[in-house]
Amino acid sequence: QVHLVESGGGLVQPGGSLRLSCAASGAISSIHAWGWYRQAPGKQRESVAIIDRNGYTVYTNPVKGRFTISRDNAKNTVYLQMNSLKPEDTAVYYCRADRYDLGYTYWGLGTQVTVSS
């Protein structure tokens, strides 16, 4: 079992920055990939950024060059640095952990990000 807790969301003006954190506990060593997803009102949840256990990263096109996903293994934490935020980035952001060998997926409860002037 893996427990994920997101933090760092809030209200920010367009062009501003936020750093989201995902604190993980439990069977962390079994996880193959970590990701940040988001869901805006009336829309489906979508992938934002993924980092695997080798440090390989993948980003969705709308956030490339603006967002950076990273891991701190010593702190068991995954981060999402978000710069040059736009109103269309407004959503609930979720942390996700995947264990490929058993097909398990773990989700946090999410943190709200609102980009508005």
Protein backbone atom coordinates (compact mmCIF):
# COMPACT_ATOMS: atom_id res chain seq x y z
CA GLN A 1 0.00 0.00 0.00
CA VAL A 2 1.19 3.53 -0.82
CA HIS A 3 -0.23 6.69 0.72
CA LEU A 4 0.09 10.01 -1.15
CA VAL A 5 -0.56 13.50 0.21
CA GLU A 6 -0.41 16.56 -2.05
CA SER A 7 0.26 20.12 -0.90
CA GLY A 8 1.27 23.48 -2.30
CA GLY A 9 -1.80 24.48 -4.26
CA GLY A 10 -3.43 27.87 -4.06
CA LEU A 11 -4.43 31.01 -5.89
CA VAL A 12 -1.83 32.63 -8.13
CA GLN A 13 -1.91 35.35 -10.75
CA PRO A 14 -1.21 34.59 -14.42
CA GLY A 15 2.52 34.40 -14.99
CA GLY A 16 3.16 33.32 -11.43
CA SER A 17 4.68 30.14 -10.02
CA LEU A 18 3.74 27.38 -7.61
CA ARG A 19 5.50 24.25 -6.42
CA LEU A 20 3.36 21.25 -5.63
CA SER A 21 4.61 18.50 -3.34
CA CYS A 22 3.52 14.89 -3.06
CA ALA A 23 4.63 13.18 0.14
CA ALA A 24 4.65 9.41 -0.16
CA SER A 25 4.66 6.69 2.47
CA GLY A 26 4.34 2.93 2.48
CA ALA A 27 5.76 0.51 -0.08
CA ILE A 28 7.55 3.23 -2.04
CA SER A 29 10.34 1.03 -3.34
CA SER A 30 7.79 -0.98 -5.33
CA ILE A 31 6.70 2.03 -7.37
CA HIS A 32 7.80 2.20 -11.01
CA ALA A 33 6.52 5.65 -11.94
CA TRP A 34 5.22 8.80 -10.32
CA GLY A 35 2.97 11.31 -11.99
CA TRP A 36 1.04 14.52 -11.68
CA TYR A 37 -2.43 14.66 -13.20
CA ARG A 38 -5.04 17.39 -13.25
CA GLN A 39 -8.75 17.72 -13.65
CA ALA A 40 -10.47 20.95 -14.55
CA PRO A 41 -14.22 21.47 -13.97
CA GLY A 42 -16.24 19.63 -16.58
CA LYS A 43 -13.18 17.94 -18.06
CA GLN A 44 -11.57 14.54 -17.81
CA ARG A 45 -8.50 13.99 -15.66
CA GLU A 46 -5.36 14.30 -17.76
CA SER A 47 -1.71 13.50 -17.38
CA VAL A 48 0.57 16.48 -16.76
CA ALA A 49 4.00 15.01 -16.04
CA ILE A 50 5.47 11.61 -15.26
CA ILE A 51 8.83 10.53 -13.86
CA ASP A 52 9.94 6.91 -13.67
CA ARG A 53 12.33 5.26 -11.24
CA ASN A 54 15.22 5.95 -13.62
CA GLY A 55 14.47 9.66 -13.72
CA TYR A 56 13.03 9.63 -17.23
CA THR A 57 10.37 12.34 -17.59
CA VAL A 58 7.43 12.91 -19.89
CA TYR A 59 5.28 16.04 -20.14
CA THR A 60 2.03 16.84 -21.82
CA ASN A 61 2.50 19.40 -24.59
CA PRO A 62 0.67 22.34 -22.96
CA VAL A 63 3.09 22.38 -20.01
CA LYS A 64 6.39 21.65 -21.75
CA GLY A 65 8.96 24.30 -20.93
CA ARG A 66 6.88 25.62 -18.02
CA PHE A 67 6.51 22.69 -15.60
CA THR A 68 9.19 20.46 -14.13
CA ILE A 69 8.65 17.18 -12.27
CA SER A 70 11.31 15.95 -9.88
CA ARG A 71 11.88 13.51 -7.02
CA ASP A 72 13.69 13.73 -3.71
CA ASN A 73 14.28 10.11 -2.70
CA ALA A 74 15.61 11.07 0.72
CA LYS A 75 12.35 12.88 1.50
CA ASN A 76 10.07 10.42 -0.34
CA THR A 77 8.58 13.40 -2.13
CA VAL A 78 7.71 14.20 -5.73
CA TYR A 79 7.49 17.82 -6.84
CA LEU A 80 5.89 19.73 -9.66
CA GLN A 81 7.41 23.15 -10.24
CA MET A 82 4.95 25.22 -12.25
CA ASN A 83 6.11 28.48 -13.84
CA SER A 84 4.45 30.95 -16.18
CA LEU A 85 1.06 29.76 -15.04
CA LYS A 86 -1.95 30.41 -17.22
CA PRO A 87 -5.67 30.50 -16.39
CA GLU A 88 -6.09 27.25 -18.32
CA ASP A 89 -3.82 25.55 -15.78
CA THR A 90 -6.59 25.94 -13.21
CA ALA A 91 -7.53 22.47 -11.96
CA VAL A 92 -7.30 20.04 -9.10
CA TYR A 93 -3.85 18.46 -9.29
CA TYR A 94 -3.42 14.85 -8.24
CA CYS A 95 -0.36 12.80 -7.46
CA ARG A 96 -0.28 9.25 -8.76
CA ALA A 97 2.00 6.28 -8.21
CA ASP A 98 2.06 3.20 -10.43
CA ARG A 99 3.29 -0.29 -9.71
CA TYR A 100 3.53 -1.95 -13.09
CA ASP A 101 4.27 -5.52 -11.99
CA LEU A 102 0.97 -5.89 -10.14
CA GLY A 103 -1.00 -3.27 -12.04
CA TYR A 104 -1.61 -1.14 -8.95
CA THR A 105 -2.32 2.60 -9.11
CA TYR A 106 -2.42 4.89 -6.09
CA TRP A 107 -3.89 8.40 -5.98
CA GLY A 108 -3.72 11.29 -3.59
CA LEU A 109 -6.76 13.40 -2.76
CA GLY A 110 -5.59 16.37 -4.83
CA THR A 111 -4.75 20.01 -4.32
CA GLN A 112 -6.53 22.94 -5.96
CA VAL A 113 -4.60 25.29 -8.23
CA THR A 114 -6.37 28.45 -9.37
CA VAL A 115 -4.75 30.87 -11.80
CA SER A 116 -6.66 34.12 -11.90
CA SER A 117 -6.13 37.85 -11.70
